[in-house]
Amino acid sequence: MENTTIIKNFGILYRTFLSYISKSIESKDLSFSDSVFLVNIGEKEGISQEEIADALAIDKAAIARSVKGMEQRGYVRAIKSASDKRAKELYLTETGHDLYRQMLNLNEEWLKQVLGNMNSDEIENFAKIISSISEKAKNIKR
């Protein structure tokens, strides 16, 4: 497979997922990026903004702005860390938990649609490959 095909397909996956999620959450006053951060907080309550930045290869300032907005909308609580006063531990509110469950359902629906004709071994292999590619991508210095 040639390089342009791989790049094109990464772009298609990203854009179609972004569109699917964005249209599904537009009534929640939540951006696509907000939804990604919210899911990561839901997966690991007490996670710090820095941990999210490292896990997703995203700028810490972007996460800080998103968290501030989600706090104002009542989805997230940020509590100063007892072990590191500079860090904030992030937790979902009850409303945030409701939205987290909705996001998990949306993610699962989208994956069923795009992976629907793959068997469990193919899905497991694809997950390993894309995880490996993502880890390598996070280590690329610009």
N, C-alpha and C. Protein backbone atom coordinates (compact mmCIF):
# COMPACT_ATOMS: atom_id res chain seq x y z
N MET A 1 0.85 -1.18 0.00
CA MET A 1 0.00 0.00 0.00
C MET A 1 0.89 1.24 0.00
N GLU A 2 0.60 2.16 -0.86
CA GLU A 2 1.45 3.35 -0.94
C GLU A 2 1.15 4.35 0.17
N ASN A 3 2.13 5.18 0.45
CA ASN A 3 2.04 6.13 1.57
C ASN A 3 0.84 7.05 1.50
N THR A 4 0.53 7.55 0.29
CA THR A 4 -0.61 8.48 0.20
C THR A 4 -1.92 7.79 0.57
N THR A 5 -2.04 6.51 0.29
CA THR A 5 -3.25 5.78 0.65
C THR A 5 -3.37 5.65 2.17
N ILE A 6 -2.27 5.38 2.83
CA ILE A 6 -2.28 5.27 4.29
C ILE A 6 -2.67 6.61 4.91
N ILE A 7 -2.02 7.68 4.48
CA ILE A 7 -2.31 9.02 5.00
C ILE A 7 -3.76 9.39 4.73
N LYS A 8 -4.23 9.13 3.53
CA LYS A 8 -5.61 9.43 3.16
C LYS A 8 -6.58 8.69 4.10
N ASN A 9 -6.31 7.43 4.35
CA ASN A 9 -7.20 6.64 5.21
C ASN A 9 -7.17 7.09 6.66
N PHE A 10 -6.00 7.50 7.17
CA PHE A 10 -5.95 8.08 8.52
C PHE A 10 -6.84 9.32 8.57
N GLY A 11 -6.75 10.15 7.54
CA GLY A 11 -7.56 11.37 7.47
C GLY A 11 -9.05 11.07 7.42
N ILE A 12 -9.43 10.08 6.62
CA ILE A 12 -10.84 9.71 6.52
C ILE A 12 -11.37 9.23 7.86
N LEU A 13 -10.61 8.36 8.53
CA LEU A 13 -11.04 7.87 9.84
C LEU A 13 -11.22 9.03 10.83
N TYR A 14 -10.24 9.91 10.87
CA TYR A 14 -10.31 11.05 11.81
C TYR A 14 -11.51 11.93 11.50
N ARG A 15 -11.66 12.33 10.24
CA ARG A 15 -12.73 13.28 9.88
C ARG A 15 -14.11 12.67 10.06
N THR A 16 -14.28 11.42 9.71
CA THR A 16 -15.61 10.82 9.85
C THR A 16 -15.95 10.61 11.33
N PHE A 17 -14.97 10.24 12.14
CA PHE A 17 -15.22 10.08 13.58
C PHE A 17 -15.53 11.44 14.20
N LEU A 18 -14.76 12.45 13.86
CA LEU A 18 -14.99 13.81 14.37
C LEU A 18 -16.39 14.27 14.01
N SER A 19 -16.80 14.08 12.77
CA SER A 19 -18.12 14.50 12.33
C SER A 19 -19.22 13.74 13.06
N TYR A 20 -19.07 12.43 13.18
CA TYR A 20 -20.07 11.59 13.85
C TYR A 20 -20.26 12.03 15.30
N ILE A 21 -19.16 12.21 16.02
CA ILE A 21 -19.24 12.61 17.43
C ILE A 21 -19.75 14.04 17.55
N SER A 22 -19.21 14.95 16.76
CA SER A 22 -19.60 16.36 16.85
C SER A 22 -21.09 16.55 16.63
N LYS A 23 -21.65 15.88 15.63
CA LYS A 23 -23.09 16.01 15.36
C LYS A 23 -23.90 15.40 16.51
N SER A 24 -23.38 14.36 17.13
CA SER A 24 -24.11 13.68 18.20
C SER A 24 -24.12 14.46 19.50
N ILE A 25 -23.13 15.33 19.71
CA ILE A 25 -23.02 16.04 20.99
C ILE A 25 -23.24 17.54 20.88
N GLU A 26 -23.63 18.03 19.72
CA GLU A 26 -23.74 19.49 19.55
C GLU A 26 -24.73 20.11 20.53
N SER A 27 -25.74 19.39 20.97
CA SER A 27 -26.71 19.94 21.93
C SER A 27 -26.15 19.99 23.35
N LYS A 28 -25.00 19.38 23.58
CA LYS A 28 -24.40 19.31 24.92
C LYS A 28 -23.43 20.47 25.19
N ASP A 29 -23.26 21.38 24.22
CA ASP A 29 -22.30 22.48 24.35
C ASP A 29 -20.92 21.92 24.66
N LEU A 30 -20.53 20.92 23.87
CA LEU A 30 -19.26 20.22 24.06
C LEU A 30 -18.60 20.07 22.71
N SER A 31 -17.31 20.37 22.63
CA SER A 31 -16.59 20.19 21.38
C SER A 31 -16.10 18.74 21.28
N PHE A 32 -15.64 18.38 20.11
CA PHE A 32 -15.07 17.05 19.92
C PHE A 32 -13.91 16.84 20.89
N SER A 33 -13.01 17.82 20.98
CA SER A 33 -11.86 17.72 21.89
C SER A 33 -12.32 17.56 23.33
N ASP A 34 -13.31 18.35 23.73
CA ASP A 34 -13.87 18.22 25.09
C ASP A 34 -14.32 16.79 25.34
N SER A 35 -14.99 16.20 24.34
CA SER A 35 -15.51 14.85 24.52
C SER A 35 -14.39 13.83 24.69
N VAL A 36 -13.30 14.03 23.99
CA VAL A 36 -12.15 13.12 24.12
C VAL A 36 -11.57 13.23 25.53
N PHE A 37 -11.42 14.45 26.01
CA PHE A 37 -10.88 14.65 27.37
C PHE A 37 -11.83 14.08 28.41
N LEU A 38 -13.14 14.30 28.23
CA LEU A 38 -14.13 13.81 29.17
C LEU A 38 -14.07 12.28 29.27
N VAL A 39 -13.93 11.61 28.14
CA VAL A 39 -13.83 10.14 28.16
C VAL A 39 -12.57 9.70 28.90
N ASN A 40 -11.48 10.40 28.69
CA ASN A 40 -10.24 10.04 29.39
C ASN A 40 -10.35 10.26 30.89
N ILE A 41 -11.05 11.30 31.30
CA ILE A 41 -11.29 11.53 32.73
C ILE A 41 -12.18 10.42 33.28
N GLY A 42 -13.21 10.05 32.54
CA GLY A 42 -14.11 8.99 32.96
C GLY A 42 -13.41 7.65 33.09
N GLU A 43 -12.43 7.41 32.23
CA GLU A 43 -11.69 6.15 32.29
C GLU A 43 -10.75 6.08 33.48
N LYS A 44 -10.32 7.25 33.95
CA LYS A 44 -9.36 7.27 35.08
C LYS A 44 -9.64 8.50 35.94
N GLU A 45 -10.64 8.39 36.80
CA GLU A 45 -10.98 9.50 37.69
C GLU A 45 -9.75 9.86 38.53
N GLY A 46 -9.52 11.16 38.68
CA GLY A 46 -8.36 11.64 39.41
C GLY A 46 -7.15 11.88 38.53
N ILE A 47 -7.29 11.63 37.24
CA ILE A 47 -6.20 11.87 36.29
C ILE A 47 -5.87 13.35 36.27
N SER A 48 -4.62 13.68 35.99
CA SER A 48 -4.22 15.08 35.91
C SER A 48 -4.25 15.55 34.45
N GLN A 49 -4.27 16.86 34.28
CA GLN A 49 -4.22 17.43 32.94
C GLN A 49 -2.95 17.01 32.24
N GLU A 50 -1.85 16.93 32.96
CA GLU A 50 -0.57 16.53 32.37
C GLU A 50 -0.62 15.08 31.89
N GLU A 51 -1.26 14.22 32.66
CA GLU A 51 -1.39 12.81 32.24
C GLU A 51 -2.21 12.70 30.96
N ILE A 52 -3.26 13.50 30.85
CA ILE A 52 -4.06 13.49 29.63
C ILE A 52 -3.22 13.99 28.46
N ALA A 53 -2.48 15.07 28.68
CA ALA A 53 -1.63 15.61 27.62
C ALA A 53 -0.63 14.57 27.13
N ASP A 54 -0.01 13.87 28.05
CA ASP A 54 0.96 12.83 27.67
C ASP A 54 0.28 11.67 26.94
N ALA A 55 -0.87 11.23 27.43
CA ALA A 55 -1.57 10.09 26.84
C ALA A 55 -2.06 10.38 25.42
N LEU A 56 -2.48 11.64 25.19
CA LEU A 56 -3.09 11.99 23.91
C LEU A 56 -2.19 12.82 23.00
N ALA A 57 -0.99 13.15 23.47
CA ALA A 57 -0.07 13.98 22.70
C ALA A 57 -0.72 15.31 22.33
N ILE A 58 -1.30 15.96 23.35
CA ILE A 58 -2.00 17.23 23.16
C ILE A 58 -1.40 18.28 24.08
N ASP A 59 -1.40 19.50 23.63
CA ASP A 59 -0.87 20.63 24.39
C ASP A 59 -1.60 20.80 25.72
N LYS A 60 -0.85 20.99 26.80
CA LYS A 60 -1.44 21.14 28.14
C LYS A 60 -2.37 22.35 28.23
N ALA A 61 -2.03 23.42 27.53
CA ALA A 61 -2.86 24.62 27.57
C ALA A 61 -4.25 24.36 26.97
N ALA A 62 -4.30 23.58 25.91
CA ALA A 62 -5.59 23.24 25.29
C ALA A 62 -6.44 22.44 26.26
N ILE A 63 -5.82 21.53 26.98
CA ILE A 63 -6.56 20.74 27.97
C ILE A 63 -7.05 21.63 29.10
N ALA A 64 -6.20 22.54 29.54
CA ALA A 64 -6.59 23.45 30.63
C ALA A 64 -7.80 24.29 30.24
N ARG A 65 -7.82 24.81 29.00
CA ARG A 65 -8.97 25.60 28.53
C ARG A 65 -10.23 24.74 28.47
N SER A 66 -10.07 23.53 27.97
CA SER A 66 -11.22 22.62 27.86
C SER A 66 -11.77 22.27 29.23
N VAL A 67 -10.88 21.94 30.16
CA VAL A 67 -11.31 21.57 31.51
C VAL A 67 -12.03 22.74 32.17
N LYS A 68 -11.50 23.95 32.00
CA LYS A 68 -12.15 25.12 32.59
C LYS A 68 -13.57 25.27 32.06
N GLY A 69 -13.75 25.09 30.76
CA GLY A 69 -15.08 25.19 30.17
C GLY A 69 -16.01 24.08 30.65
N MET A 70 -15.47 22.86 30.77
CA MET A 70 -16.30 21.75 31.23
C MET A 70 -16.66 21.91 32.71
N GLU A 71 -15.77 22.55 33.48
CA GLU A 71 -16.12 22.85 34.88
C GLU A 71 -17.28 23.84 34.92
N GLN A 72 -17.20 24.87 34.09
CA GLN A 72 -18.25 25.90 34.06
C GLN A 72 -19.60 25.32 33.63
N ARG A 73 -19.56 24.32 32.77
CA ARG A 73 -20.81 23.69 32.31
C ARG A 73 -21.27 22.56 33.22
N GLY A 74 -20.49 22.27 34.26
CA GLY A 74 -20.91 21.30 35.26
C GLY A 74 -20.62 19.84 34.92
N TYR A 75 -19.66 19.59 34.04
CA TYR A 75 -19.31 18.22 33.67
C TYR A 75 -18.12 17.67 34.46
N VAL A 76 -17.24 18.56 34.90
CA VAL A 76 -15.97 18.16 35.51
C VAL A 76 -15.72 18.96 36.78
N ARG A 77 -15.08 18.30 37.75
CA ARG A 77 -14.56 18.98 38.95
C ARG A 77 -13.04 18.83 38.92
N ALA A 78 -12.34 19.92 39.21
CA ALA A 78 -10.88 19.91 39.31
C ALA A 78 -10.51 20.20 40.76
N ILE A 79 -9.74 19.29 41.34
CA ILE A 79 -9.35 19.41 42.74
C ILE A 79 -7.82 19.42 42.81
N LYS A 80 -7.28 20.36 43.59
CA LYS A 80 -5.82 20.39 43.75
C LYS A 80 -5.33 19.07 44.31
N SER A 81 -4.27 18.57 43.72
CA SER A 81 -3.67 17.30 44.15
C SER A 81 -3.03 17.46 45.52
N ALA A 82 -3.24 16.49 46.39
CA ALA A 82 -2.61 16.52 47.71
C ALA A 82 -1.11 16.26 47.60
N SER A 83 -0.70 15.48 46.59
CA SER A 83 0.71 15.12 46.46
C SER A 83 1.51 16.13 45.63
N ASP A 84 0.83 16.90 44.77
CA ASP A 84 1.51 17.89 43.94
C ASP A 84 0.59 19.11 43.83
N LYS A 85 0.88 20.14 44.60
CA LYS A 85 0.00 21.31 44.69
C LYS A 85 -0.16 22.03 43.34
N ARG A 86 0.77 21.80 42.41
CA ARG A 86 0.65 22.44 41.10
C ARG A 86 -0.35 21.72 40.20
N ALA A 87 -0.63 20.46 40.50
CA ALA A 87 -1.49 19.64 39.65
C ALA A 87 -2.93 19.65 40.14
N LYS A 88 -3.84 19.41 39.21
CA LYS A 88 -5.26 19.27 39.54
C LYS A 88 -5.68 17.85 39.19
N GLU A 89 -6.42 17.23 40.09
CA GLU A 89 -7.01 15.93 39.81
C GLU A 89 -8.40 16.18 39.23
N LEU A 90 -8.72 15.46 38.18
CA LEU A 90 -9.96 15.70 37.47
C LEU A 90 -10.96 14.58 37.71
N TYR A 91 -12.20 14.98 37.99
CA TYR A 91 -13.28 14.04 38.28
C TYR A 91 -14.52 14.48 37.52
N LEU A 92 -15.35 13.51 37.16
CA LEU A 92 -16.61 13.82 36.52
C LEU A 92 -17.68 14.08 37.57
N THR A 93 -18.55 15.02 37.27
CA THR A 93 -19.73 15.25 38.10
C THR A 93 -20.77 14.20 37.71
N GLU A 94 -21.91 14.23 38.36
CA GLU A 94 -22.99 13.30 38.00
C GLU A 94 -23.40 13.51 36.54
N THR A 95 -23.53 14.78 36.15
CA THR A 95 -23.86 15.10 34.76
C THR A 95 -22.75 14.64 33.83
N GLY A 96 -21.52 14.81 34.27
CA GLY A 96 -20.38 14.35 33.49
C GLY A 96 -20.38 12.83 33.30
N HIS A 97 -20.76 12.11 34.35
CA HIS A 97 -20.86 10.64 34.25
C HIS A 97 -21.94 10.23 33.25
N ASP A 98 -23.06 10.94 33.26
CA ASP A 98 -24.11 10.65 32.29
C ASP A 98 -23.59 10.85 30.86
N LEU A 99 -22.90 11.95 30.66
CA LEU A 99 -22.35 12.25 29.34
C LEU A 99 -21.26 11.24 28.96
N TYR A 100 -20.46 10.83 29.93
CA TYR A 100 -19.42 9.81 29.70
C TYR A 100 -20.05 8.52 29.18
N ARG A 101 -21.13 8.08 29.80
CA ARG A 101 -21.81 6.85 29.35
C ARG A 101 -22.35 7.04 27.92
N GLN A 102 -22.88 8.22 27.63
CA GLN A 102 -23.36 8.50 26.27
C GLN A 102 -22.21 8.44 25.27
N MET A 103 -21.06 9.00 25.67
CA MET A 103 -19.89 8.99 24.78
C MET A 103 -19.41 7.56 24.52
N LEU A 104 -19.40 6.73 25.56
CA LEU A 104 -18.99 5.34 25.36
C LEU A 104 -19.92 4.65 24.38
N ASN A 105 -21.22 4.91 24.49
CA ASN A 105 -22.18 4.32 23.56
C ASN A 105 -21.96 4.81 22.13
N LEU A 106 -21.71 6.11 21.98
CA LEU A 106 -21.44 6.66 20.65
C LEU A 106 -20.18 6.04 20.04
N ASN A 107 -19.13 5.94 20.86
CA ASN A 107 -17.88 5.35 20.38
C ASN A 107 -18.11 3.91 19.93
N GLU A 108 -18.87 3.16 20.73
CA GLU A 108 -19.15 1.76 20.41
C GLU A 108 -19.98 1.65 19.12
N GLU A 109 -20.97 2.51 18.97
CA GLU A 109 -21.80 2.50 17.75
C GLU A 109 -20.95 2.77 16.52
N TRP A 110 -20.07 3.78 16.60
CA TRP A 110 -19.22 4.13 15.46
C TRP A 110 -18.29 2.97 15.13
N LEU A 111 -17.68 2.39 16.15
CA LEU A 111 -16.78 1.26 15.91
C LEU A 111 -17.50 0.06 15.31
N LYS A 112 -18.72 -0.20 15.76
CA LYS A 112 -19.50 -1.29 15.16
C LYS A 112 -19.72 -1.05 13.68
N GLN A 113 -19.97 0.20 13.32
CA GLN A 113 -20.22 0.52 11.92
C GLN A 113 -18.96 0.37 11.07
N VAL A 114 -17.81 0.83 11.59
CA VAL A 114 -16.60 0.79 10.77
C VAL A 114 -15.86 -0.55 10.86
N LEU A 115 -16.04 -1.29 11.94
CA LEU A 115 -15.37 -2.57 12.10
C LEU A 115 -16.33 -3.75 11.95
N GLY A 116 -17.57 -3.47 11.58
CA GLY A 116 -18.63 -4.46 11.58
C GLY A 116 -18.35 -5.74 10.83
N ASN A 117 -17.59 -5.70 9.76
CA ASN A 117 -17.35 -6.91 8.98
C ASN A 117 -16.05 -7.62 9.36
N MET A 118 -15.41 -7.16 10.43
CA MET A 118 -14.17 -7.80 10.89
C MET A 118 -14.48 -8.77 12.02
N ASN A 119 -13.74 -9.89 12.05
CA ASN A 119 -13.92 -10.82 13.16
C ASN A 119 -13.08 -10.37 14.36
N SER A 120 -13.25 -11.02 15.50
CA SER A 120 -12.60 -10.58 16.73
C SER A 120 -11.07 -10.64 16.63
N ASP A 121 -10.52 -11.62 15.92
CA ASP A 121 -9.06 -11.70 15.75
C ASP A 121 -8.55 -10.53 14.92
N GLU A 122 -9.27 -10.17 13.87
CA GLU A 122 -8.87 -9.04 13.03
C GLU A 122 -8.94 -7.73 13.82
N ILE A 123 -9.99 -7.58 14.63
CA ILE A 123 -10.14 -6.37 15.44
C ILE A 123 -9.00 -6.28 16.46
N GLU A 124 -8.69 -7.38 17.11
CA GLU A 124 -7.60 -7.40 18.08
C GLU A 124 -6.27 -7.06 17.42
N ASN A 125 -6.02 -7.61 16.24
CA ASN A 125 -4.78 -7.33 15.51
C ASN A 125 -4.73 -5.86 15.09
N PHE A 126 -5.85 -5.35 14.58
CA PHE A 126 -5.93 -3.94 14.19
C PHE A 126 -5.66 -3.04 15.39
N ALA A 127 -6.24 -3.36 16.55
CA ALA A 127 -6.04 -2.56 17.76
C ALA A 127 -4.56 -2.53 18.15
N LYS A 128 -3.89 -3.66 18.05
CA LYS A 128 -2.45 -3.72 18.38
C LYS A 128 -1.64 -2.87 17.40
N ILE A 129 -1.96 -2.99 16.13
CA ILE A 129 -1.22 -2.24 15.10
C ILE A 129 -1.43 -0.74 15.27
N ILE A 130 -2.67 -0.32 15.43
CA ILE A 130 -2.93 1.12 15.53
C ILE A 130 -2.38 1.69 16.84
N SER A 131 -2.36 0.90 17.90
CA SER A 131 -1.74 1.34 19.16
C SER A 131 -0.24 1.53 18.98
N SER A 132 0.39 0.61 18.29
CA SER A 132 1.82 0.72 18.03
C SER A 132 2.13 1.96 17.18
N ILE A 133 1.33 2.17 16.15
CA ILE A 133 1.52 3.35 15.29
C ILE A 133 1.32 4.63 16.10
N SER A 134 0.30 4.66 16.95
CA SER A 134 0.02 5.86 17.75
C SER A 134 1.17 6.15 18.71
N GLU A 135 1.72 5.13 19.34
CA GLU A 135 2.85 5.34 20.26
C GLU A 135 4.06 5.90 19.51
N LYS A 136 4.34 5.39 18.33
CA LYS A 136 5.45 5.91 17.54
C LYS A 136 5.19 7.35 17.14
N ALA A 137 3.95 7.66 16.77
CA ALA A 137 3.60 9.02 16.36
C ALA A 137 3.78 10.01 17.51
N LYS A 138 3.43 9.57 18.75
CA LYS A 138 3.57 10.46 19.90
C LYS A 138 5.03 10.82 20.16
N ASN A 139 5.95 10.00 19.72
CA ASN A 139 7.37 10.24 19.97
C ASN A 139 8.07 11.02 18.86
N ILE A 140 7.34 11.36 17.81
CA ILE A 140 7.93 12.16 16.73
C ILE A 140 8.09 13.59 17.22
N LYS A 141 9.29 14.10 17.12
CA LYS A 141 9.56 15.48 17.51
C LYS A 141 9.49 16.37 16.28
N ARG A 142 8.80 17.49 16.41
CA ARG A 142 8.69 18.42 15.28
C ARG A 142 9.71 19.49 15.36
